[in-house]
Amino acid sequence: MASLTIVGFASGSPLSQMAMARLASDHRLSAIVGPPSRGGVLRTLARRLRGKKDPLAAFGVPLIEAGEVGRFKPDVIVVASFPRIIAADVLAAARIGALNMHASALPRHRGVDGIFGTYFDDDRDAAMTIHWINDRIDGGDIAAQQAIPLARGRPSRELYIELAAIGVELLSDVLEQVSAGQLPRRRQDESRASYRSAADIAEARIPFARWPAERVWHVLSGLGDQRSGLVAEAAGEPLMHGRATHYHLTDDVEPGHIAAVDAGFELHCSDGIVTLEAASNSACRSSRPRAR
């Protein structure tokens, strides 16, 4: 079966490295477009002086700018956690089309971080989707999708790695079909669509006074390993926190109250109390979305 000529778009995240490695193994990975560097030439020079290597350089292909894609004449463009919208004229350089990896059950949780929405909206399954790119954010036809049960309170880092591995296998299968002349695709059901921007996620706060304690625990146990500021203090300022460790149900609650305890906090929810770790200084957690 003939291999395809592919240009990858990648962030350097674990998912993108796993995807690029499989592309380099199974097809002709001709080049990779990495994320625009913040700070330009001076930052790049400083990085080199510190001896830091670009993880995308490990694949032995040119690292290029988006405007150079056309000269590689790709059959397919593959996007794996790339943090920018790609211009239509760049995508048009691919003879067959462009595929994107997205960690949600599209059309649910379109946008910058599908895993965030999976936890925050209390989904019982998580998923990985491979879809064709069109002019709508995460709105193109689905090429492949796989869902898995989401264990309550599972750390999001663990889920991310499992979904990344699933995504690489799905992507490999889709590209095998494409190389055989097939184009797997089905339309997304727009009636099920949801979307969050990076700003929406940065501003999201858990309404713990209204939510059951189990749900609050699940979200903060899951997302708290990578995010902070998901809870607001009485004055409206985000609380810097780590993961939720446990919860208990009780009638002795003051919904919306936050009590400081040893090494953390107690959140009074609608039907119980969630124990929450304080933020770890070494974790450098942030309420902003991380590159996936």
Foldseek 3Di string as FASTA:
>chain_A
DAAWEEEEEEALDPLRLLQVVLNLVGHRHAEYEYADDPPPPVVVVVCVVVVHDRSVCVSVHYHDHLVVQLVSQGQEYEYELHPDDRDPVSQVSHVPFYKYKAWADPLEEFENHSLLCCLQVVPQKIKIWIFTDDPDGVFGWTQDMDIDGDDFLAAQVVVVVVRSVVRSVSVVVQSVCVVVVDHRTDGTDVVNHDYDYQVNQLLAADQQQEDDQSSVLRSQSHHQCAAFQNHAAPVRGGAAFHGWDDKDFDPPFDRPDWADDVQFIWHGGNTTIITTGGHDPVSPHYSGDDRD
